[in-house]
Protein backbone atom coordinates (compact mmCIF):
# COMPACT_ATOMS: atom_id res chain seq x y z
CA UNK A 1 0.00 0.00 0.00
CA UNK A 2 2.83 2.33 0.85
CA UNK A 3 4.48 1.78 -2.57
CA UNK A 4 1.23 2.55 -4.33
CA UNK A 5 0.84 5.79 -2.38
CA UNK A 6 4.42 6.85 -3.21
CA UNK A 7 3.87 6.02 -6.88
CA UNK A 8 0.64 8.06 -7.02
CA UNK A 9 2.27 11.05 -5.31
CA UNK A 10 5.23 10.96 -7.70
CA UNK A 11 2.93 10.60 -10.69
CA UNK A 12 0.76 13.54 -9.59
CA UNK A 13 3.69 15.91 -9.00
CA UNK A 14 6.21 14.85 -11.63
CA UNK A 15 3.82 14.39 -14.56
CA UNK A 16 2.80 18.08 -14.86
CA UNK A 17 6.46 19.12 -14.86
CA UNK A 18 7.31 16.78 -17.73
CA UNK A 19 4.09 17.61 -19.56
CA UNK A 20 5.25 21.23 -19.71
CA UNK A 21 8.36 20.18 -21.65
CA UNK A 22 6.58 17.63 -23.84
CA UNK A 23 3.61 19.80 -24.74
CA UNK A 24 3.18 20.67 -28.39
CA UNK A 25 3.58 24.35 -29.09
CA UNK A 26 2.24 25.78 -32.31
CA UNK A 27 4.89 27.37 -34.45
CA UNK A 28 4.44 30.64 -36.29
CA UNK A 29 3.06 30.37 -39.81
CA UNK A 30 4.13 32.35 -42.87
CA UNK A 31 1.84 32.88 -45.88
CA UNK A 32 3.04 34.41 -49.16
CA UNK A 33 0.46 35.58 -51.69
CA UNK A 34 -0.26 38.11 -54.45
CA UNK A 35 -3.58 38.94 -52.76
CA UNK A 36 -3.88 41.04 -49.62
CA UNK A 37 -4.46 38.50 -46.79
CA UNK A 38 -6.50 41.04 -44.80
CA UNK A 39 -9.12 41.14 -47.56
CA UNK A 40 -9.09 37.35 -47.89
CA UNK A 41 -9.73 36.93 -44.17
CA UNK A 42 -12.55 39.52 -44.20
CA UNK A 43 -14.34 37.65 -47.00
CA UNK A 44 -13.87 34.29 -45.21
CA UNK A 45 -11.84 32.84 -48.06
CA UNK A 46 -9.11 30.28 -47.58
CA UNK A 47 -5.56 31.61 -47.42
CA UNK A 48 -3.48 30.00 -50.16
CA UNK A 49 0.29 30.03 -49.94
CA UNK A 50 2.17 30.78 -53.17
CA UNK A 51 5.80 30.20 -53.97
CA UNK A 52 6.06 31.52 -57.57
CA UNK A 53 5.58 35.20 -58.40
CA UNK A 54 6.04 37.39 -61.48
CA UNK A 55 8.43 40.34 -61.65
CA UNK A 56 6.70 43.48 -60.39
CA UNK A 57 3.96 41.65 -58.43
CA UNK A 58 3.12 42.78 -54.95
CA UNK A 59 4.24 39.93 -52.73
CA UNK A 60 2.14 40.05 -49.59
CA UNK A 61 3.23 38.11 -46.55
CA UNK A 62 1.37 37.33 -43.37
CA UNK A 63 3.14 35.93 -40.34
CA UNK A 64 0.84 34.48 -37.68
CA UNK A 65 2.03 33.37 -34.28
CA UNK A 66 -0.50 31.89 -31.83
CA UNK A 67 1.68 32.73 -28.81
CA UNK A 68 2.09 36.36 -29.87
CA UNK A 69 5.20 38.37 -30.57
CA UNK A 70 7.49 39.03 -27.63
CA UNK A 71 7.98 42.69 -28.46
CA UNK A 72 6.29 45.44 -30.46
CA UNK A 73 8.81 45.31 -33.32
CA UNK A 74 9.82 42.70 -35.87
CA UNK A 75 12.57 42.66 -38.49
CA UNK A 76 12.11 41.01 -41.84
CA UNK A 77 14.80 40.27 -44.39
CA UNK A 78 14.41 39.41 -48.05
CA UNK A 79 17.46 37.82 -49.61
CA UNK A 80 18.32 36.45 -53.05
CA UNK A 81 20.22 33.26 -53.70
CA UNK A 82 23.07 34.26 -55.98
CA UNK A 83 26.11 32.29 -57.11
CA UNK A 84 28.18 35.48 -57.47
CA UNK A 85 27.60 36.77 -53.91
CA UNK A 86 30.51 36.60 -51.50
CA UNK A 87 28.50 35.84 -48.33
CA UNK A 88 27.50 32.20 -48.63
CA UNK A 89 25.76 32.68 -51.97
CA UNK A 90 23.11 35.11 -50.70
CA UNK A 91 22.56 38.80 -51.33
CA UNK A 92 20.39 40.73 -48.88
CA UNK A 93 17.73 42.72 -50.75
CA UNK A 94 15.68 44.20 -47.89
CA UNK A 95 16.31 44.52 -44.16
CA UNK A 96 13.37 46.32 -42.54
CA UNK A 97 12.23 46.82 -38.96
CA UNK A 98 8.51 47.46 -38.43
CA UNK A 99 6.17 48.01 -35.51
CA UNK A 100 3.63 45.26 -34.85
CA UNK A 101 0.18 46.60 -33.99
CA UNK A 102 -1.45 43.22 -33.42
CA UNK A 103 0.21 40.73 -31.06
CA UNK A 104 -0.62 37.65 -33.16
CA UNK A 105 -0.07 38.62 -36.79
CA UNK A 106 1.67 41.04 -39.11
CA UNK A 107 0.95 41.79 -42.80
CA UNK A 108 3.11 43.69 -45.27
CA UNK A 109 4.20 43.52 -48.90
CA UNK A 110 7.22 44.17 -51.10
CA UNK A 111 7.91 44.29 -54.85
CA UNK A 112 10.90 42.63 -56.54
CA UNK A 113 12.21 43.63 -59.96
CA UNK A 114 14.64 40.78 -60.69
CA UNK A 115 13.97 37.11 -61.40
CA UNK A 116 15.59 34.55 -59.11
CA UNK A 117 15.33 32.41 -55.99
CA UNK A 118 14.49 34.38 -52.87
CA UNK A 119 13.98 33.83 -49.18
CA UNK A 120 12.11 35.72 -46.47
CA UNK A 121 12.96 35.46 -42.80
CA UNK A 122 11.21 37.22 -39.95
CA UNK A 123 12.76 37.91 -36.54
CA UNK A 124 11.44 39.20 -33.27
CA UNK A 125 13.52 42.28 -32.49
CA UNK A 126 14.51 40.83 -29.11
CA UNK A 127 16.15 37.76 -30.69
CA UNK A 128 17.89 38.45 -33.99
CA UNK A 129 19.84 35.17 -33.88
CA UNK A 130 16.87 32.90 -34.51
CA UNK A 131 14.07 33.58 -36.99
CA UNK A 132 10.44 32.99 -36.04
CA UNK A 133 9.25 32.38 -39.62
CA UNK A 134 11.06 31.50 -42.84
CA UNK A 135 10.02 30.88 -46.45
CA UNK A 136 11.46 30.35 -49.94
CA UNK A 137 9.91 31.57 -53.19
CA UNK A 138 10.70 32.21 -56.86
CA UNK A 139 10.31 35.35 -58.96
CA UNK A 140 10.05 34.62 -62.69
CA UNK A 141 9.71 36.55 -65.93
CA UNK A 142 6.22 36.69 -67.38
C-alpha cells in the first residue's frame, strides 16, 4: 500500500512538470500571396500560400504566431540566392524593422524587380539570432 501511495504522489507531482516540456507548441506560420491577406480573411476565403511570383507583383506576406510576438517590433529580411555573392551565396535585398500593432499577426508587402530564388525570414527584435518564420519563393519573368 505504501508503494502505491508513493507512486501516485510521484505521478501527480512529476507528470505536470514533464508535460510542460513535452507539450506541443504551435509554431508561427508564414503565408506568401499576391492577394492582400486582410481582404481574404474579411471575405472568409481560404488563405493559399504561393511560392512563384512574377516580376513586379506585390508579394504580400502574413506571419501568424498563436503565442504572440514578444515585443512590439519585428525585423524582416528578403534575400536572393546568388552564385556570385561573396557571403554564402546570398545577397540581402531588404532589411526592414517594423512596428507590430497586433500581437498575433503582421501583414506587409514588397515588390521585386529581378527574377531569381528568394527567401524571407522574420525575426522578433529581441532575438535576432533565430528567426520565427522562414520561407522560400521564386520570382520569374512573365
